[in-house]
């Protein structure tokens, strides 16, 4: 089995980002009183927006995308889907089989497959990265970032070809939960989380 390991951002890299941003801010001439109001605004909107832009640049240069997700495991499968606010194409019997998964915070990996992957090969495809399906965590990522699936249509698969997929289609964002077809086309990203250690 081939396990891909990626190192997280380092303290040195964080320092470089801080230094470069500090230089830009010092040169900006932004009015101090307005800056203070932005800093005092609840929710840290400005900082979140800056981080989102930086993450987009990093992801544009990456093959594998890893998103940290906080997952409410107490939600029903339907509640997890509802929280994404997307148009639903859902087989309720399949949705009811959605595994609960483990962990309040998990890293969700999105692997670009770049070729047709038959449904029968998906478990082995995820396993080569040391991953297992976690549709609730995948849903949490798509809830946190509704635009993510616009450029990164993503799916996962569990049990007997039960599938959850997020996508943009005809200017509408959708989520599908059903028994999959033959497999996944090359433009999809397959999602999984690191398998629990035994």
N, C-alpha and C. Protein backbone atom coordinates (compact mmCIF):
# COMPACT_ATOMS: atom_id res chain seq x y z
N UNK A 1 0.84 -1.18 0.00
CA UNK A 1 0.00 0.00 0.00
C UNK A 1 0.88 1.24 0.00
N UNK A 2 0.58 2.19 -0.84
CA UNK A 2 1.30 3.45 -0.90
C UNK A 2 0.58 4.48 -0.04
N UNK A 3 1.26 4.99 0.97
CA UNK A 3 0.65 6.01 1.81
C UNK A 3 1.31 7.34 1.52
N UNK A 4 0.51 8.34 1.17
CA UNK A 4 1.02 9.67 0.88
C UNK A 4 0.96 10.50 2.15
N UNK A 5 2.08 11.07 2.53
CA UNK A 5 2.10 11.91 3.72
C UNK A 5 2.46 13.33 3.29
N UNK A 6 1.70 14.29 3.78
CA UNK A 6 2.01 15.68 3.49
C UNK A 6 2.26 16.40 4.79
N UNK A 7 3.31 17.20 4.82
CA UNK A 7 3.65 17.95 6.02
C UNK A 7 2.76 19.19 6.10
N UNK A 8 2.29 19.48 7.30
CA UNK A 8 1.47 20.67 7.51
C UNK A 8 2.34 21.92 7.41
N UNK A 9 1.68 23.04 7.22
CA UNK A 9 2.37 24.33 7.18
C UNK A 9 3.28 24.46 8.41
N UNK A 10 4.49 24.98 8.20
CA UNK A 10 5.47 25.07 9.29
C UNK A 10 5.42 26.44 9.97
N UNK A 11 6.00 26.51 11.16
CA UNK A 11 6.09 27.79 11.86
C UNK A 11 6.91 28.80 11.05
N UNK A 12 7.94 28.31 10.37
CA UNK A 12 8.75 29.20 9.54
C UNK A 12 7.94 29.80 8.40
N UNK A 13 7.10 28.98 7.76
CA UNK A 13 6.25 29.49 6.69
C UNK A 13 5.22 30.49 7.22
N UNK A 14 4.66 30.19 8.38
CA UNK A 14 3.71 31.12 9.00
C UNK A 14 4.40 32.45 9.28
N UNK A 15 5.64 32.38 9.76
CA UNK A 15 6.40 33.61 10.01
C UNK A 15 6.62 34.41 8.73
N UNK A 16 6.95 33.72 7.63
CA UNK A 16 7.14 34.42 6.35
C UNK A 16 5.86 35.10 5.88
N UNK A 17 4.73 34.40 6.03
CA UNK A 17 3.44 34.99 5.65
C UNK A 17 3.16 36.22 6.49
N UNK A 18 3.37 36.10 7.80
CA UNK A 18 3.14 37.24 8.71
C UNK A 18 4.01 38.43 8.33
N UNK A 19 5.31 38.16 8.06
CA UNK A 19 6.24 39.24 7.71
C UNK A 19 5.81 39.95 6.43
N UNK A 20 5.42 39.18 5.41
CA UNK A 20 5.04 39.78 4.13
C UNK A 20 3.73 40.57 4.26
N UNK A 21 2.79 40.02 5.02
CA UNK A 21 1.53 40.73 5.22
C UNK A 21 1.77 42.00 6.04
N UNK A 22 2.63 41.91 7.04
CA UNK A 22 2.93 43.08 7.87
C UNK A 22 3.53 44.20 7.02
N UNK A 23 4.44 43.84 6.11
CA UNK A 23 5.04 44.85 5.23
C UNK A 23 3.98 45.54 4.38
N UNK A 24 3.09 44.76 3.79
CA UNK A 24 2.01 45.32 2.97
C UNK A 24 1.11 46.24 3.79
N UNK A 25 0.78 45.81 5.02
CA UNK A 25 -0.10 46.62 5.87
C UNK A 25 0.58 47.94 6.27
N UNK A 26 1.88 47.88 6.57
CA UNK A 26 2.60 49.10 6.94
C UNK A 26 2.63 50.09 5.78
N UNK A 27 2.75 49.57 4.55
CA UNK A 27 2.82 50.42 3.37
C UNK A 27 1.45 50.91 2.90
N UNK A 28 0.38 50.37 3.46
CA UNK A 28 -0.96 50.61 2.92
C UNK A 28 -1.53 51.99 3.21
N UNK A 29 -1.15 52.57 4.35
CA UNK A 29 -1.74 53.85 4.73
C UNK A 29 -3.21 53.74 5.13
N UNK A 30 -3.67 52.56 5.47
CA UNK A 30 -5.06 52.38 5.88
C UNK A 30 -5.34 53.19 7.14
N UNK A 31 -6.54 53.81 7.25
CA UNK A 31 -6.86 54.62 8.43
C UNK A 31 -7.03 53.76 9.68
N UNK A 32 -6.31 54.13 10.72
CA UNK A 32 -6.25 53.34 11.95
C UNK A 32 -7.62 53.14 12.59
N UNK A 33 -8.46 54.19 12.61
CA UNK A 33 -9.75 54.05 13.28
C UNK A 33 -10.64 53.03 12.55
N UNK A 34 -10.59 53.01 11.23
CA UNK A 34 -11.39 52.05 10.47
C UNK A 34 -10.83 50.65 10.62
N UNK A 35 -9.50 50.53 10.62
CA UNK A 35 -8.86 49.23 10.84
C UNK A 35 -9.32 48.67 12.19
N UNK A 36 -9.37 49.52 13.20
CA UNK A 36 -9.77 49.06 14.53
C UNK A 36 -11.22 48.55 14.51
N UNK A 37 -12.10 49.23 13.76
CA UNK A 37 -13.49 48.76 13.68
C UNK A 37 -13.58 47.39 12.99
N UNK A 38 -12.75 47.22 11.96
CA UNK A 38 -12.73 45.92 11.28
C UNK A 38 -12.23 44.83 12.24
N UNK A 39 -11.19 45.14 13.00
CA UNK A 39 -10.65 44.17 13.96
C UNK A 39 -11.66 43.83 15.05
N UNK A 40 -12.48 44.80 15.42
CA UNK A 40 -13.46 44.60 16.50
C UNK A 40 -14.73 43.91 16.02
N UNK A 41 -14.91 43.80 14.71
CA UNK A 41 -16.13 43.17 14.19
C UNK A 41 -16.18 41.70 14.62
N UNK A 42 -17.37 41.24 15.02
CA UNK A 42 -17.49 39.84 15.47
C UNK A 42 -17.23 38.86 14.33
N UNK A 43 -16.68 37.73 14.68
CA UNK A 43 -16.51 36.66 13.71
C UNK A 43 -15.22 36.68 12.91
N UNK A 44 -14.44 37.74 13.01
CA UNK A 44 -13.16 37.79 12.29
C UNK A 44 -13.32 37.66 10.79
N UNK A 45 -14.33 38.33 10.21
CA UNK A 45 -14.63 38.19 8.78
C UNK A 45 -13.44 38.53 7.89
N UNK A 46 -12.74 39.62 8.21
CA UNK A 46 -11.64 40.05 7.34
C UNK A 46 -10.51 39.02 7.32
N UNK A 47 -10.17 38.51 8.51
CA UNK A 47 -9.09 37.52 8.60
C UNK A 47 -9.52 36.24 7.89
N UNK A 48 -10.77 35.83 8.07
CA UNK A 48 -11.27 34.63 7.39
C UNK A 48 -11.19 34.79 5.88
N UNK A 49 -11.52 35.98 5.38
CA UNK A 49 -11.47 36.24 3.94
C UNK A 49 -10.03 36.19 3.44
N UNK A 50 -9.10 36.76 4.20
CA UNK A 50 -7.68 36.72 3.79
C UNK A 50 -7.19 35.28 3.74
N UNK A 51 -7.57 34.49 4.76
CA UNK A 51 -7.15 33.10 4.79
C UNK A 51 -7.73 32.33 3.60
N UNK A 52 -9.00 32.59 3.27
CA UNK A 52 -9.65 31.89 2.16
C UNK A 52 -8.91 32.15 0.84
N UNK A 53 -8.47 33.40 0.64
CA UNK A 53 -7.73 33.74 -0.59
C UNK A 53 -6.40 33.00 -0.62
N UNK A 54 -5.68 32.98 0.51
CA UNK A 54 -4.39 32.30 0.55
C UNK A 54 -4.58 30.79 0.31
N UNK A 55 -5.58 30.21 0.96
CA UNK A 55 -5.84 28.77 0.77
C UNK A 55 -6.15 28.46 -0.69
N UNK A 56 -6.89 29.33 -1.35
CA UNK A 56 -7.23 29.09 -2.76
C UNK A 56 -5.97 29.04 -3.61
N UNK A 57 -5.00 29.92 -3.34
CA UNK A 57 -3.74 29.92 -4.08
C UNK A 57 -2.95 28.63 -3.82
N UNK A 58 -2.94 28.18 -2.57
CA UNK A 58 -2.23 26.94 -2.25
C UNK A 58 -2.89 25.76 -2.95
N UNK A 59 -4.22 25.71 -2.89
CA UNK A 59 -4.92 24.59 -3.51
C UNK A 59 -4.75 24.58 -5.02
N UNK A 60 -4.62 25.75 -5.62
CA UNK A 60 -4.44 25.82 -7.07
C UNK A 60 -3.13 25.16 -7.49
N UNK A 61 -2.15 25.09 -6.58
CA UNK A 61 -0.86 24.48 -6.89
C UNK A 61 -0.76 23.05 -6.36
N UNK A 62 -1.82 22.56 -5.75
CA UNK A 62 -1.79 21.24 -5.13
C UNK A 62 -2.57 20.24 -5.96
N UNK A 63 -2.19 19.02 -5.87
CA UNK A 63 -2.94 17.92 -6.46
C UNK A 63 -4.00 17.45 -5.46
N UNK A 64 -3.55 17.12 -4.27
CA UNK A 64 -4.43 16.64 -3.22
C UNK A 64 -4.82 17.82 -2.34
N UNK A 65 -6.11 17.93 -2.08
CA UNK A 65 -6.62 19.00 -1.22
C UNK A 65 -7.00 18.40 0.12
N UNK A 66 -6.54 19.01 1.19
CA UNK A 66 -6.87 18.54 2.54
C UNK A 66 -7.55 19.68 3.28
N UNK A 67 -8.77 19.42 3.75
CA UNK A 67 -9.53 20.40 4.50
C UNK A 67 -9.81 19.87 5.90
N UNK A 68 -9.61 20.72 6.88
CA UNK A 68 -9.94 20.38 8.27
C UNK A 68 -11.42 20.66 8.47
N UNK A 69 -12.15 19.70 9.03
CA UNK A 69 -13.60 19.87 9.20
C UNK A 69 -14.00 19.54 10.63
N UNK A 70 -14.88 20.37 11.17
CA UNK A 70 -15.55 20.07 12.44
C UNK A 70 -16.86 19.38 12.09
N UNK A 71 -17.06 18.18 12.63
CA UNK A 71 -18.19 17.34 12.23
C UNK A 71 -19.13 17.11 13.41
N UNK A 72 -20.40 17.44 13.21
CA UNK A 72 -21.42 17.17 14.23
C UNK A 72 -21.95 15.76 13.99
N UNK A 73 -21.43 14.81 14.76
CA UNK A 73 -21.81 13.41 14.57
C UNK A 73 -23.20 13.11 15.14
N UNK A 74 -23.79 14.06 15.86
CA UNK A 74 -25.13 13.84 16.40
C UNK A 74 -26.21 14.10 15.36
N UNK A 75 -25.88 14.73 14.26
CA UNK A 75 -26.87 14.98 13.22
C UNK A 75 -27.29 13.69 12.55
N UNK A 76 -28.53 13.66 12.11
CA UNK A 76 -28.97 12.56 11.27
C UNK A 76 -28.36 12.76 9.88
N UNK A 77 -28.32 11.72 9.06
CA UNK A 77 -27.84 11.92 7.69
C UNK A 77 -28.60 13.02 6.96
N UNK A 78 -29.92 13.07 7.15
CA UNK A 78 -30.71 14.10 6.47
C UNK A 78 -30.32 15.49 6.96
N UNK A 79 -30.08 15.64 8.26
CA UNK A 79 -29.66 16.94 8.80
C UNK A 79 -28.30 17.36 8.25
N UNK A 80 -27.39 16.38 8.09
CA UNK A 80 -26.07 16.69 7.53
C UNK A 80 -26.19 17.20 6.10
N UNK A 81 -27.11 16.60 5.33
CA UNK A 81 -27.33 17.04 3.95
C UNK A 81 -28.05 18.39 3.92
N UNK A 82 -29.07 18.54 4.77
CA UNK A 82 -29.83 19.80 4.81
C UNK A 82 -28.92 20.98 5.11
N UNK A 83 -27.94 20.77 5.99
CA UNK A 83 -27.06 21.86 6.43
C UNK A 83 -26.23 22.43 5.28
N UNK A 84 -26.09 21.67 4.19
CA UNK A 84 -25.30 22.18 3.06
C UNK A 84 -26.09 23.17 2.21
N UNK A 85 -27.41 23.19 2.37
CA UNK A 85 -28.24 24.15 1.64
C UNK A 85 -28.30 23.93 0.14
N UNK A 86 -28.07 22.72 -0.31
CA UNK A 86 -28.02 22.43 -1.74
C UNK A 86 -29.30 21.76 -2.21
N UNK A 87 -29.54 21.81 -3.51
CA UNK A 87 -30.66 21.05 -4.08
C UNK A 87 -30.35 19.57 -3.93
N UNK A 88 -31.33 18.82 -3.47
CA UNK A 88 -31.09 17.43 -3.11
C UNK A 88 -31.67 16.45 -4.13
N UNK A 89 -30.85 15.45 -4.44
CA UNK A 89 -31.26 14.31 -5.25
C UNK A 89 -30.93 13.08 -4.40
N UNK A 90 -31.88 12.69 -3.55
CA UNK A 90 -31.56 11.77 -2.46
C UNK A 90 -32.49 10.56 -2.47
N UNK A 91 -31.87 9.39 -2.39
CA UNK A 91 -32.59 8.15 -2.15
C UNK A 91 -32.57 7.94 -0.63
N UNK A 92 -33.72 8.08 0.00
CA UNK A 92 -33.77 8.05 1.47
C UNK A 92 -33.25 6.74 2.05
N UNK A 93 -33.46 5.62 1.36
CA UNK A 93 -32.97 4.33 1.85
C UNK A 93 -31.45 4.29 1.86
N UNK A 94 -30.84 4.85 0.83
CA UNK A 94 -29.37 4.89 0.78
C UNK A 94 -28.85 5.88 1.82
N UNK A 95 -29.48 7.05 1.92
CA UNK A 95 -29.06 8.06 2.89
C UNK A 95 -29.05 7.49 4.30
N UNK A 96 -30.02 6.66 4.62
CA UNK A 96 -30.13 6.08 5.96
C UNK A 96 -28.96 5.17 6.31
N UNK A 97 -28.22 4.71 5.30
CA UNK A 97 -27.08 3.82 5.56
C UNK A 97 -25.77 4.59 5.79
N UNK A 98 -25.83 5.93 5.71
CA UNK A 98 -24.61 6.73 5.84
C UNK A 98 -23.90 6.42 7.16
N UNK A 99 -22.62 6.06 7.11
CA UNK A 99 -21.90 5.76 8.36
C UNK A 99 -21.72 7.02 9.22
N UNK A 100 -21.65 6.80 10.53
CA UNK A 100 -21.51 7.93 11.46
C UNK A 100 -20.10 8.49 11.41
N UNK A 101 -19.09 7.64 11.32
CA UNK A 101 -17.71 8.11 11.33
C UNK A 101 -17.23 8.41 12.74
N UNK A 102 -16.01 8.90 12.83
CA UNK A 102 -15.38 9.16 14.13
C UNK A 102 -14.68 10.51 14.14
N UNK A 103 -14.71 11.16 15.29
CA UNK A 103 -13.93 12.38 15.49
C UNK A 103 -14.71 13.66 15.28
N UNK A 104 -14.53 14.58 16.21
CA UNK A 104 -15.19 15.89 16.09
C UNK A 104 -14.49 16.77 15.07
N UNK A 105 -13.17 16.61 14.92
CA UNK A 105 -12.40 17.34 13.91
C UNK A 105 -11.55 16.34 13.15
N UNK A 106 -11.64 16.38 11.84
CA UNK A 106 -10.90 15.44 11.00
C UNK A 106 -10.34 16.17 9.78
N UNK A 107 -9.29 15.61 9.22
CA UNK A 107 -8.76 16.07 7.94
C UNK A 107 -9.45 15.28 6.84
N UNK A 108 -10.09 15.99 5.93
CA UNK A 108 -10.76 15.35 4.81
C UNK A 108 -9.89 15.54 3.57
N UNK A 109 -9.51 14.44 2.96
CA UNK A 109 -8.67 14.45 1.76
C UNK A 109 -9.56 14.36 0.53
N UNK A 110 -9.25 15.17 -0.48
CA UNK A 110 -9.93 15.14 -1.76
C UNK A 110 -8.88 14.82 -2.82
N UNK A 111 -8.99 13.63 -3.41
CA UNK A 111 -7.99 13.13 -4.35
C UNK A 111 -8.52 13.27 -5.78
N UNK A 112 -7.82 14.03 -6.65
CA UNK A 112 -8.26 14.08 -8.05
C UNK A 112 -7.97 12.74 -8.73
N UNK A 113 -8.99 12.14 -9.33
CA UNK A 113 -8.77 10.78 -9.85
C UNK A 113 -8.23 10.78 -11.27
N UNK A 114 -8.58 11.78 -12.09
CA UNK A 114 -7.98 12.00 -13.42
C UNK A 114 -8.17 10.85 -14.40
N UNK A 115 -8.99 9.90 -14.07
CA UNK A 115 -9.30 8.79 -14.97
C UNK A 115 -10.61 8.18 -14.50
N UNK A 116 -11.21 7.37 -15.31
CA UNK A 116 -12.41 6.68 -14.87
C UNK A 116 -12.02 5.64 -13.82
N UNK A 117 -12.69 5.67 -12.66
CA UNK A 117 -12.45 4.69 -11.61
C UNK A 117 -13.73 3.88 -11.41
N UNK A 118 -13.70 2.59 -11.76
CA UNK A 118 -14.90 1.77 -11.55
C UNK A 118 -15.29 1.74 -10.07
N UNK A 119 -16.59 1.65 -9.82
CA UNK A 119 -17.08 1.63 -8.44
C UNK A 119 -16.41 0.54 -7.61
N UNK A 120 -16.14 -0.59 -8.24
CA UNK A 120 -15.53 -1.72 -7.52
C UNK A 120 -14.11 -1.41 -7.06
N UNK A 121 -13.46 -0.39 -7.67
CA UNK A 121 -12.07 -0.07 -7.33
C UNK A 121 -11.94 1.06 -6.32
N UNK A 122 -13.07 1.70 -5.96
CA UNK A 122 -13.00 2.86 -5.08
C UNK A 122 -12.41 2.51 -3.71
N UNK A 123 -12.82 1.41 -3.05
CA UNK A 123 -12.20 1.11 -1.75
C UNK A 123 -10.67 0.99 -1.83
N UNK A 124 -10.18 0.33 -2.88
CA UNK A 124 -8.72 0.19 -3.05
C UNK A 124 -8.08 1.52 -3.37
N UNK A 125 -8.78 2.35 -4.16
CA UNK A 125 -8.25 3.68 -4.51
C UNK A 125 -8.04 4.49 -3.24
N UNK A 126 -9.04 4.53 -2.36
CA UNK A 126 -8.90 5.28 -1.11
C UNK A 126 -7.85 4.65 -0.20
N UNK A 127 -7.83 3.32 -0.15
CA UNK A 127 -6.89 2.62 0.74
C UNK A 127 -5.44 2.89 0.40
N UNK A 128 -5.13 3.14 -0.89
CA UNK A 128 -3.74 3.40 -1.25
C UNK A 128 -3.22 4.70 -0.63
N UNK A 129 -4.14 5.57 -0.22
CA UNK A 129 -3.77 6.80 0.49
C UNK A 129 -4.00 6.67 2.00
N UNK A 130 -4.37 5.47 2.44
CA UNK A 130 -4.64 5.26 3.86
C UNK A 130 -5.95 5.88 4.31
N UNK A 131 -6.92 5.98 3.40
CA UNK A 131 -8.18 6.67 3.67
C UNK A 131 -9.36 5.72 3.73
N UNK A 132 -10.39 6.16 4.44
CA UNK A 132 -11.68 5.48 4.47
C UNK A 132 -12.76 6.52 4.21
N UNK A 133 -13.92 6.10 3.70
CA UNK A 133 -14.99 7.08 3.45
C UNK A 133 -15.54 7.65 4.76
N UNK A 134 -15.89 8.92 4.73
CA UNK A 134 -16.55 9.59 5.86
C UNK A 134 -17.48 10.64 5.27
N UNK A 135 -18.65 10.21 4.79
CA UNK A 135 -19.54 11.14 4.10
C UNK A 135 -19.99 12.31 4.96
N UNK A 136 -20.10 12.13 6.28
CA UNK A 136 -20.50 13.25 7.14
C UNK A 136 -19.42 14.33 7.17
N UNK A 137 -18.17 13.90 7.21
CA UNK A 137 -17.07 14.88 7.18
C UNK A 137 -17.00 15.57 5.83
N UNK A 138 -17.22 14.81 4.75
CA UNK A 138 -17.26 15.40 3.41
C UNK A 138 -18.37 16.44 3.34
N UNK A 139 -19.54 16.12 3.89
CA UNK A 139 -20.66 17.06 3.90
C UNK A 139 -20.30 18.32 4.69
N UNK A 140 -19.57 18.15 5.80
CA UNK A 140 -19.18 19.31 6.62
C UNK A 140 -18.29 20.26 5.84
N UNK A 141 -17.37 19.73 5.03
CA UNK A 141 -16.51 20.58 4.20
C UNK A 141 -17.36 21.37 3.21
N UNK A 142 -18.30 20.70 2.57
CA UNK A 142 -19.14 21.36 1.58
C UNK A 142 -20.14 22.31 2.22
N UNK A 143 -20.47 22.09 3.48
CA UNK A 143 -21.28 23.04 4.23
C UNK A 143 -20.48 24.31 4.52
N UNK A 144 -19.24 24.12 4.99
CA UNK A 144 -18.39 25.26 5.35
C UNK A 144 -18.02 26.11 4.14
N UNK A 145 -17.84 25.47 2.99
CA UNK A 145 -17.42 26.17 1.77
C UNK A 145 -18.32 25.76 0.61
N UNK A 146 -19.49 26.40 0.47
CA UNK A 146 -20.44 26.00 -0.56
C UNK A 146 -19.88 26.06 -1.98
N UNK A 147 -18.87 26.91 -2.22
CA UNK A 147 -18.30 27.05 -3.56
C UNK A 147 -17.26 25.97 -3.87
N UNK A 148 -16.86 25.19 -2.88
CA UNK A 148 -15.78 24.22 -3.07
C UNK A 148 -16.07 23.25 -4.21
N UNK A 149 -17.29 22.71 -4.24
CA UNK A 149 -17.62 21.71 -5.26
C UNK A 149 -17.82 22.31 -6.64
N UNK A 150 -17.87 23.65 -6.75
CA UNK A 150 -17.99 24.27 -8.07
C UNK A 150 -16.78 23.92 -8.93
N UNK A 151 -15.59 23.97 -8.31
CA UNK A 151 -14.36 23.65 -9.04
C UNK A 151 -13.83 22.27 -8.68
N UNK A 152 -14.33 21.70 -7.60
CA UNK A 152 -13.85 20.40 -7.14
C UNK A 152 -15.04 19.49 -6.86
N UNK A 153 -15.75 19.03 -7.91
CA UNK A 153 -16.87 18.12 -7.66
C UNK A 153 -16.36 16.89 -6.92
N UNK A 154 -17.00 16.56 -5.80
CA UNK A 154 -16.42 15.54 -4.95
C UNK A 154 -17.45 14.51 -4.50
N UNK A 155 -16.97 13.29 -4.35
CA UNK A 155 -17.83 12.20 -3.95
C UNK A 155 -17.11 11.21 -3.08
N UNK A 156 -17.89 10.37 -2.45
CA UNK A 156 -17.33 9.24 -1.72
C UNK A 156 -18.30 8.08 -1.84
N UNK A 157 -17.85 6.93 -1.39
CA UNK A 157 -18.62 5.71 -1.61
C UNK A 157 -18.42 4.77 -0.44
N UNK A 158 -19.49 4.13 0.00
CA UNK A 158 -19.39 3.19 1.12
C UNK A 158 -20.28 1.98 0.84
N UNK A 159 -20.05 0.92 1.60
CA UNK A 159 -20.83 -0.32 1.51
C UNK A 159 -21.02 -0.75 0.06
N UNK A 160 -22.23 -1.12 -0.30
CA UNK A 160 -22.49 -1.67 -1.63
C UNK A 160 -22.75 -0.55 -2.62
N UNK A 161 -21.69 0.21 -2.94
CA UNK A 161 -21.77 1.27 -3.95
C UNK A 161 -22.76 2.36 -3.58
N UNK A 162 -22.87 2.66 -2.27
CA UNK A 162 -23.67 3.81 -1.82
C UNK A 162 -22.79 5.05 -1.96
N UNK A 163 -23.33 6.11 -2.54
CA UNK A 163 -22.52 7.27 -2.90
C UNK A 163 -23.12 8.57 -2.37
N UNK A 164 -22.22 9.49 -2.05
CA UNK A 164 -22.60 10.87 -1.74
C UNK A 164 -21.72 11.76 -2.60
N UNK A 165 -22.36 12.67 -3.35
CA UNK A 165 -21.57 13.54 -4.23
C UNK A 165 -22.10 14.97 -4.18
N UNK A 166 -21.16 15.92 -4.30
CA UNK A 166 -21.46 17.35 -4.30
C UNK A 166 -20.94 17.93 -5.61
N UNK A 167 -21.75 18.81 -6.23
CA UNK A 167 -21.40 19.30 -7.56
C UNK A 167 -22.14 20.59 -7.85
N UNK A 168 -21.65 21.32 -8.85
CA UNK A 168 -22.37 22.45 -9.43
C UNK A 168 -22.85 22.03 -10.80
N UNK A 169 -24.13 22.33 -11.10
CA UNK A 169 -24.71 21.86 -12.35
C UNK A 169 -25.74 22.88 -12.81
N UNK A 170 -25.59 23.39 -14.03
CA UNK A 170 -26.53 24.36 -14.60
C UNK A 170 -26.78 25.51 -13.64
N UNK A 171 -25.71 26.11 -13.14
CA UNK A 171 -25.79 27.25 -12.22
C UNK A 171 -26.52 26.91 -10.92
N UNK A 172 -26.56 25.65 -10.57
CA UNK A 172 -27.21 25.24 -9.33
C UNK A 172 -26.29 24.27 -8.60
N UNK A 173 -26.24 24.41 -7.29
CA UNK A 173 -25.41 23.52 -6.49
C UNK A 173 -26.27 22.36 -5.98
N UNK A 174 -25.77 21.15 -6.19
CA UNK A 174 -26.55 19.99 -5.83
C UNK A 174 -25.79 19.00 -4.98
N UNK A 175 -26.55 18.10 -4.35
CA UNK A 175 -25.99 16.98 -3.61
C UNK A 175 -26.81 15.76 -3.98
N UNK A 176 -26.11 14.67 -4.24
CA UNK A 176 -26.76 13.42 -4.63
C UNK A 176 -26.35 12.34 -3.65
N UNK A 177 -27.34 11.59 -3.19
CA UNK A 177 -27.05 10.41 -2.37
C UNK A 177 -27.88 9.27 -2.94
N UNK A 178 -27.20 8.29 -3.50
CA UNK A 178 -27.90 7.20 -4.18
C UNK A 178 -26.94 6.02 -4.34
N UNK A 179 -27.45 4.96 -4.92
CA UNK A 179 -26.56 3.86 -5.30
C UNK A 179 -25.90 4.27 -6.60
N UNK A 180 -24.59 4.26 -6.62
CA UNK A 180 -23.85 4.78 -7.77
C UNK A 180 -24.00 3.92 -9.00
N UNK A 181 -23.51 4.48 -10.09
CA UNK A 181 -23.52 3.76 -11.35
C UNK A 181 -22.28 2.90 -11.50
N UNK A 182 -21.70 2.96 -12.70
CA UNK A 182 -20.53 2.12 -12.99
C UNK A 182 -19.27 2.59 -12.30
N UNK A 183 -19.19 3.90 -12.04
CA UNK A 183 -17.98 4.43 -11.44
C UNK A 183 -17.93 5.94 -11.53
N UNK A 184 -16.72 6.48 -11.36
CA UNK A 184 -16.50 7.92 -11.28
C UNK A 184 -15.65 8.38 -12.45
N UNK A 185 -16.11 9.41 -13.15
CA UNK A 185 -15.34 9.97 -14.26
C UNK A 185 -14.14 10.75 -13.74
N UNK A 186 -13.21 11.04 -14.63
CA UNK A 186 -11.91 11.59 -14.26
C UNK A 186 -11.92 12.98 -13.68
N UNK A 187 -13.01 13.73 -13.79
CA UNK A 187 -13.03 15.09 -13.25
C UNK A 187 -13.42 15.13 -11.77
N UNK A 188 -13.78 13.98 -11.19
CA UNK A 188 -14.20 13.94 -9.79
C UNK A 188 -13.00 13.90 -8.84
N UNK A 189 -13.23 14.39 -7.63
CA UNK A 189 -12.31 14.22 -6.50
C UNK A 189 -12.98 13.22 -5.55
N UNK A 190 -12.28 12.15 -5.21
CA UNK A 190 -12.81 11.21 -4.23
C UNK A 190 -12.37 11.63 -2.83
N UNK A 191 -13.31 11.59 -1.89
CA UNK A 191 -13.07 12.10 -0.55
C UNK A 191 -12.95 10.96 0.45
N UNK A 192 -12.05 11.17 1.42
CA UNK A 192 -11.90 10.22 2.52
C UNK A 192 -11.14 10.85 3.65
N UNK A 193 -11.11 10.16 4.78
CA UNK A 193 -10.36 10.62 5.95
C UNK A 193 -9.35 9.54 6.32
N UNK A 194 -8.26 9.90 7.00
CA UNK A 194 -7.30 8.87 7.41
C UNK A 194 -7.96 7.77 8.23
N UNK A 195 -7.64 6.53 7.89
CA UNK A 195 -8.23 5.40 8.60
C UNK A 195 -7.81 5.41 10.05
N UNK A 196 -8.74 5.06 10.96
CA UNK A 196 -8.38 5.01 12.39
C UNK A 196 -7.24 4.03 12.62
N UNK A 197 -6.35 4.37 13.55
CA UNK A 197 -5.25 3.48 13.86
C UNK A 197 -5.76 2.33 14.71
N UNK A 198 -5.29 1.13 14.37
CA UNK A 198 -5.74 -0.07 15.11
C UNK A 198 -4.77 -0.40 16.21
